[in-house]
Amino acid sequence: MSKFLDKIYKNYVWLVIIFSLVGYFAYRVMSFNGMLMATLTDPQTYIQLMFVIFLNVNMVSAAFDSGVSTGLTSEEFELADELNNKIITSVNNEMADFRDYIRKLNEHEKIMIEEDFFFKVGDKKLEDLTKQELKEYNALQPIRHNIYGFNLPLYYEMTKSGEITYKASIQQNQGKRKAQVKKIFTGAMFGAMTINMLFSVENVGTAFISLMVITVGLIITFLMSFVPQIFKFKYAIPKKVILKNTLFKSYIAHKNGTHVLKEVNIEKKIIDSNIGVIANSVPAEV
C-alpha cells in the first residue's frame, strides 16, 4: 500500500491531467439544446448544482480525512513523531537556556553573512564599498532560526482561545443531533430530485454522460485533496523534524562545550549612504 501511495504521489499531477482531458472530451461531445433564460429559471438547474456542490464538498472532506488517516499511520510519520516527542521532552526542561542559545545563534548567522559578503566583493572594508555594493550589503538577509512551536507535538488540536485540550473522552450520542440535522437537509435535497420525475430511455445516454463528467470532477477533487495530505505527513513533516533535531543537537553540543559559537571580531560600522557619514560601534561578540 505504501509503494502504491508513493507512486500516486509521484504521478498524481499526470493523473489529474488525464482525468481533466477525459472530462473535457465528455464536455465537448455534449451540446446545449435549451434556452438560456429557461434554464436559469428552472428549479431543477439549481437542484442539480446543489447536488454537485454537495458531492464535491463531501469528497473534499472524505479525501482530506482519508489522507490524514493514511499519513498518520505511515512509517515515516510514526518515526518522525517518536523523534519529535523525545525532543519535546528534553527541550521543555531547559527552554530558557535553549532560547538564549537561539538568540546567540541568530546573531552569529548575521555576522557570518556579513563576513561572507566582504569576501565576495574582494575582502573590502565597509567604507570601501561602492554604492551598488553598499545597497546589496544593506539588503542582506541572514539565516534566522525561528523556534516558534518547537515544543509542540506534530499533530494536535487547538481551540480558538489558543489552548491545547487533552480531554479524550466522548459523551454518549455526542454529535448525533447535528448529524440528524444534516441528514434532514440532504434527505430533502435527494427527495426533491425525485418529485415529478419522468423516466425515458432516451435520457439514459445523457444522464450517463452527465454522471461521467461529475465523476471525473470528483476524482480530480479527491486527488487534489488526498495527495497533498499524504505528502505532508510522509515527506514534509519528517523533513522538518530532522531539521529540528539537527538544531537541537547543535544546542546540546554547545551546552556540552563541544560546539562553540566563535567570537568574530568584526568592526561594526553604520554608513549613511546619503551623506557618507561613517560611525564606529562596539565590536560584536557571540
Protein backbone atom coordinates (compact mmCIF):
# COMPACT_ATOMS: atom_id res chain seq x y z
CA MET A 1 0.00 0.00 0.00
CA SER A 2 2.86 2.36 0.85
CA LYS A 3 4.53 1.81 -2.53
CA PHE A 4 1.19 2.37 -4.25
CA LEU A 5 0.70 5.69 -2.44
CA ASP A 6 4.25 6.75 -3.29
CA LYS A 7 3.52 6.07 -6.97
CA ILE A 8 0.31 8.09 -6.74
CA TYR A 9 2.16 11.00 -5.14
CA LYS A 10 4.88 10.98 -7.79
CA ASN A 11 2.39 10.78 -10.66
CA TYR A 12 -0.76 12.42 -9.32
CA VAL A 13 -0.28 15.55 -11.43
CA TRP A 14 -0.33 13.40 -14.55
CA LEU A 15 -3.43 11.59 -13.29
CA VAL A 16 -5.17 14.93 -12.78
CA ILE A 17 -4.23 15.99 -16.32
CA ILE A 18 -5.54 12.71 -17.79
CA PHE A 19 -8.85 12.92 -15.96
CA SER A 20 -9.15 16.59 -16.90
CA LEU A 21 -8.74 15.70 -20.57
CA VAL A 22 -11.33 12.93 -20.27
CA GLY A 23 -13.72 15.36 -18.61
CA TYR A 24 -13.07 17.98 -21.28
CA PHE A 25 -13.73 15.42 -24.03
CA ALA A 26 -17.02 14.48 -22.42
CA TYR A 27 -17.94 18.15 -22.18
CA ARG A 28 -17.13 18.76 -25.86
CA VAL A 29 -19.35 15.93 -27.09
CA MET A 30 -22.31 17.45 -25.32
CA SER A 31 -24.48 20.16 -26.82
CA PHE A 32 -26.81 22.61 -25.16
CA ASN A 33 -30.24 22.48 -26.76
CA GLY A 34 -32.28 24.56 -24.35
CA MET A 35 -32.97 28.27 -23.87
CA LEU A 36 -30.61 30.05 -21.50
CA MET A 37 -33.31 32.03 -19.67
CA ALA A 38 -35.49 28.94 -19.32
CA THR A 39 -32.56 27.04 -17.84
CA LEU A 40 -31.76 29.84 -15.38
CA THR A 41 -35.36 29.98 -14.17
CA ASP A 42 -35.78 26.21 -13.90
CA PRO A 43 -35.57 24.99 -10.26
CA GLN A 44 -34.07 21.71 -11.48
CA THR A 45 -30.96 23.63 -12.58
CA TYR A 46 -30.24 24.77 -9.04
CA ILE A 47 -31.11 21.39 -7.55
CA GLN A 48 -28.52 19.86 -9.88
CA LEU A 49 -25.93 22.49 -8.93
CA MET A 50 -26.62 21.93 -5.24
CA PHE A 51 -26.21 18.20 -5.75
CA VAL A 52 -22.82 18.56 -7.50
CA ILE A 53 -21.60 21.06 -4.91
CA PHE A 54 -22.76 18.73 -2.15
CA LEU A 55 -20.82 15.83 -3.69
CA ASN A 56 -17.63 17.88 -4.10
CA VAL A 57 -17.74 19.30 -0.58
CA ASN A 58 -18.18 15.83 0.88
CA MET A 59 -15.48 14.44 -1.41
CA VAL A 60 -13.02 17.07 -0.14
CA SER A 61 -13.90 16.16 3.44
CA ALA A 62 -13.56 12.43 2.79
CA ALA A 63 -10.30 12.80 0.85
CA PHE A 64 -8.81 15.11 3.48
CA ASP A 65 -9.71 12.80 6.36
CA SER A 66 -8.56 9.75 4.42
CA GLY A 67 -5.26 11.42 3.56
CA VAL A 68 -4.67 12.44 7.18
CA SER A 69 -5.55 8.95 8.44
CA THR A 70 -3.22 7.29 5.95
CA GLY A 71 -0.45 9.77 6.65
CA LEU A 72 -0.69 9.34 10.43
CA THR A 73 -0.23 5.58 10.11
CA SER A 74 2.70 5.80 7.69
CA GLU A 75 6.08 4.56 8.88
CA GLU A 76 7.74 7.87 8.03
CA PHE A 77 5.37 9.89 10.21
CA GLU A 78 5.49 7.44 13.12
CA LEU A 79 9.29 7.60 13.22
CA ALA A 80 9.22 11.41 12.96
CA ASP A 81 6.61 11.63 15.71
CA GLU A 82 8.68 9.42 18.01
CA LEU A 83 11.78 11.57 17.48
CA ASN A 84 9.80 14.78 17.91
CA ASN A 85 8.34 13.63 21.24
CA LYS A 86 11.85 12.91 22.52
CA ILE A 87 12.94 16.41 21.53
CA ILE A 88 9.91 17.94 23.28
CA THR A 89 10.64 16.03 26.49
CA SER A 90 14.21 17.32 26.52
CA VAL A 91 13.70 20.92 25.46
CA ASN A 92 10.79 21.59 27.85
CA ASN A 93 13.18 21.07 30.77
CA GLU A 94 15.58 23.79 29.62
CA MET A 95 13.64 26.13 27.37
CA ALA A 96 15.22 29.29 28.83
CA ASP A 97 18.76 28.14 28.01
CA PHE A 98 17.65 26.94 24.57
CA ARG A 99 16.09 30.31 23.71
CA ASP A 100 19.25 32.08 24.83
CA TYR A 101 21.29 29.83 22.55
CA ILE A 102 19.00 30.62 19.58
CA ARG A 103 19.42 34.36 20.18
CA LYS A 104 23.21 33.96 20.07
CA LEU A 105 22.97 31.70 17.03
CA ASN A 106 20.86 34.23 15.10
CA GLU A 107 23.36 36.97 15.87
CA HIS A 108 26.17 34.64 14.77
CA GLU A 109 24.37 33.97 11.47
CA LYS A 110 24.08 37.73 10.91
CA ILE A 111 27.81 38.26 11.43
CA MET A 112 28.68 35.31 9.19
CA ILE A 113 26.65 36.53 6.22
CA GLU A 114 28.26 39.96 6.51
CA GLU A 115 31.73 38.41 6.59
CA ASP A 116 30.92 36.25 3.56
CA PHE A 117 29.75 39.34 1.67
CA PHE A 118 33.00 41.21 2.33
CA PHE A 119 34.99 38.25 0.99
CA LYS A 120 32.68 38.08 -2.03
CA VAL A 121 33.45 41.66 -3.05
CA GLY A 122 37.20 41.26 -2.66
CA ASP A 123 37.75 41.31 1.09
CA LYS A 124 36.90 45.01 1.21
CA LYS A 125 36.12 47.08 4.27
CA LEU A 126 32.75 48.71 4.78
CA GLU A 127 33.96 52.19 3.84
CA ASP A 128 35.46 50.88 0.58
CA LEU A 129 32.17 49.55 -0.77
CA THR A 130 30.71 51.10 -3.91
CA LYS A 131 27.20 52.50 -3.87
CA GLN A 132 25.82 49.33 -5.52
CA GLU A 133 27.75 47.07 -3.14
CA LEU A 134 26.52 49.06 -0.16
CA LYS A 135 22.97 48.64 -1.42
CA GLU A 136 23.50 44.86 -1.58
CA TYR A 137 25.07 44.90 1.88
CA ASN A 138 22.09 46.70 3.42
CA ALA A 139 19.75 44.19 1.74
CA LEU A 140 21.48 41.13 3.22
CA GLN A 141 19.07 38.66 4.84
CA PRO A 142 20.85 36.37 7.30
CA ILE A 143 19.51 32.96 8.29
CA ARG A 144 17.09 33.33 11.19
CA HIS A 145 16.19 30.31 13.32
CA ASN A 146 12.53 30.62 14.29
CA ILE A 147 11.69 28.18 17.11
CA TYR A 148 8.04 29.16 17.50
CA GLY A 149 6.16 25.89 18.06
CA PHE A 150 9.40 23.97 18.56
CA ASN A 151 7.99 22.08 21.56
CA LEU A 152 4.59 21.28 20.04
CA PRO A 153 3.51 17.76 19.02
CA LEU A 154 3.32 17.08 15.29
CA TYR A 155 -0.43 16.52 15.26
CA TYR A 156 -2.71 18.26 17.73
CA GLU A 157 -5.91 20.24 18.05
CA MET A 158 -6.04 23.78 19.39
CA THR A 159 -9.12 25.73 20.49
CA LYS A 160 -9.91 29.27 19.30
CA SER A 161 -8.58 30.63 22.60
CA GLY A 162 -5.16 29.14 21.86
CA GLU A 163 -5.46 26.31 24.38
CA ILE A 164 -4.49 22.71 23.71
CA THR A 165 -7.03 20.43 25.36
CA TYR A 166 -6.17 16.89 26.42
CA LYS A 167 -9.68 15.56 27.04
CA ALA A 168 -10.02 12.31 25.13
CA SER A 169 -13.43 11.08 26.35
CA ILE A 170 -16.60 11.20 24.24
CA GLN A 171 -20.11 11.55 25.64
CA GLN A 172 -22.89 9.20 24.61
CA ASN A 173 -24.75 10.42 21.49
CA GLN A 174 -22.28 13.31 21.15
CA GLY A 175 -22.82 14.95 17.74
CA LYS A 176 -25.87 12.82 16.99
CA ARG A 177 -28.33 15.74 16.77
CA LYS A 178 -26.03 17.68 14.49
CA ALA A 179 -25.74 14.67 12.17
CA GLN A 180 -29.53 14.29 12.14
CA VAL A 181 -29.99 17.94 11.12
CA LYS A 182 -27.54 17.43 8.24
CA LYS A 183 -29.44 14.34 7.15
CA ILE A 184 -32.70 16.33 7.07
CA PHE A 185 -31.11 18.74 4.56
CA THR A 186 -29.57 16.06 2.36
CA GLY A 187 -32.70 13.91 2.56
CA ALA A 188 -34.86 16.82 1.42
CA MET A 189 -32.47 17.56 -1.44
CA PHE A 190 -32.44 13.99 -2.72
CA GLY A 191 -36.21 13.76 -2.26
CA ALA A 192 -36.77 16.92 -4.31
CA MET A 193 -34.82 15.38 -7.18
CA THR A 194 -37.40 12.57 -7.47
CA ILE A 195 -40.54 14.72 -7.46
CA ASN A 196 -42.46 14.62 -10.76
CA MET A 197 -39.59 12.69 -12.37
CA LEU A 198 -40.29 11.00 -15.70
CA PHE A 199 -38.04 8.25 -16.98
CA SER A 200 -37.18 7.95 -20.63
CA VAL A 201 -34.81 5.56 -22.38
CA GLU A 202 -33.59 8.49 -24.48
CA ASN A 203 -32.41 10.26 -21.34
CA VAL A 204 -30.21 7.36 -20.22
CA GLY A 205 -27.34 8.34 -22.52
CA THR A 206 -27.45 11.99 -21.45
CA ALA A 207 -27.66 11.02 -17.80
CA PHE A 208 -24.68 8.69 -18.22
CA ILE A 209 -22.55 11.43 -19.79
CA SER A 210 -23.55 13.83 -17.02
CA LEU A 211 -22.66 11.22 -14.44
CA MET A 212 -19.30 10.66 -16.13
CA VAL A 213 -18.48 14.38 -16.08
CA ILE A 214 -19.44 14.62 -12.40
CA THR A 215 -17.39 11.51 -11.61
CA VAL A 216 -14.31 12.87 -13.34
CA GLY A 217 -14.67 16.08 -11.34
CA LEU A 218 -14.96 14.11 -8.11
CA ILE A 219 -11.85 12.06 -8.92
CA ILE A 220 -9.88 15.24 -9.57
CA THR A 221 -11.21 16.75 -6.34
CA PHE A 222 -10.19 13.61 -4.43
CA LEU A 223 -6.65 13.58 -5.84
CA MET A 224 -6.12 17.29 -5.21
CA SER A 225 -7.23 16.88 -1.58
CA PHE A 226 -5.88 13.43 -0.73
CA VAL A 227 -2.37 13.52 -2.19
CA PRO A 228 -1.21 16.79 -0.52
CA GLN A 229 -2.12 15.34 2.90
CA ILE A 230 -0.10 12.20 2.19
CA PHE A 231 2.84 14.34 1.08
CA LYS A 232 2.59 16.45 4.24
CA PHE A 233 2.73 13.52 6.68
CA LYS A 234 5.13 11.24 4.76
CA TYR A 235 7.64 13.80 3.49
CA ALA A 236 7.23 17.42 4.61
CA ILE A 237 6.78 16.84 8.37
CA PRO A 238 9.58 14.23 8.72
CA LYS A 239 11.98 16.62 6.93
CA LYS A 240 11.04 19.38 9.39
CA VAL A 241 11.64 17.06 12.35
CA ILE A 242 15.08 16.12 11.02
CA LEU A 243 15.89 19.83 10.72
CA LYS A 244 14.57 20.39 14.25
CA ASN A 245 16.68 17.54 15.57
CA THR A 246 19.80 18.96 13.92
CA LEU A 247 19.25 22.32 15.60
CA PHE A 248 18.60 20.74 18.99
CA LYS A 249 21.74 18.59 18.67
CA SER A 250 23.77 21.73 17.98
CA TYR A 251 22.38 23.22 21.20
CA ILE A 252 23.34 20.10 23.18
CA ALA A 253 26.82 20.19 21.69
CA HIS A 254 27.11 23.89 22.57
CA LYS A 255 25.94 23.20 26.10
CA ASN A 256 28.48 20.37 26.49
CA GLY A 257 31.25 22.61 25.23
CA THR A 258 31.94 20.62 22.07
CA HIS A 259 30.37 23.24 19.80
CA VAL A 260 31.32 26.88 20.31
CA LEU A 261 29.92 29.91 18.55
CA LYS A 262 33.24 31.61 17.87
CA GLU A 263 33.72 35.26 18.64
CA VAL A 264 34.04 37.22 15.42
CA ASN A 265 35.97 40.47 15.72
CA ILE A 266 34.32 42.44 13.01
CA GLU A 267 34.26 46.22 13.24
CA LYS A 268 30.62 47.15 13.00
CA LYS A 269 30.02 50.43 11.20
CA ILE A 270 26.93 52.25 10.06
CA ILE A 271 27.04 54.23 6.84
CA ASP A 272 24.54 56.87 5.88
CA SER A 273 24.57 56.34 2.12
CA ASN A 274 23.08 59.77 1.52
CA ILE A 275 25.72 61.87 3.27
CA GLY A 276 28.56 59.34 3.52
CA VAL A 277 28.97 59.55 7.30
CA ILE A 278 30.70 56.60 8.97
CA ALA A 279 30.13 55.85 12.64
CA ASN A 280 32.04 53.17 14.56
CA SER A 281 30.27 50.94 17.05
CA VAL A 282 31.32 48.32 19.61
CA PRO A 283 32.74 45.06 18.16
CA ALA A 284 30.13 42.30 18.11
CA GLU A 285 30.55 39.25 20.31
CA VAL A 286 28.70 35.94 20.02
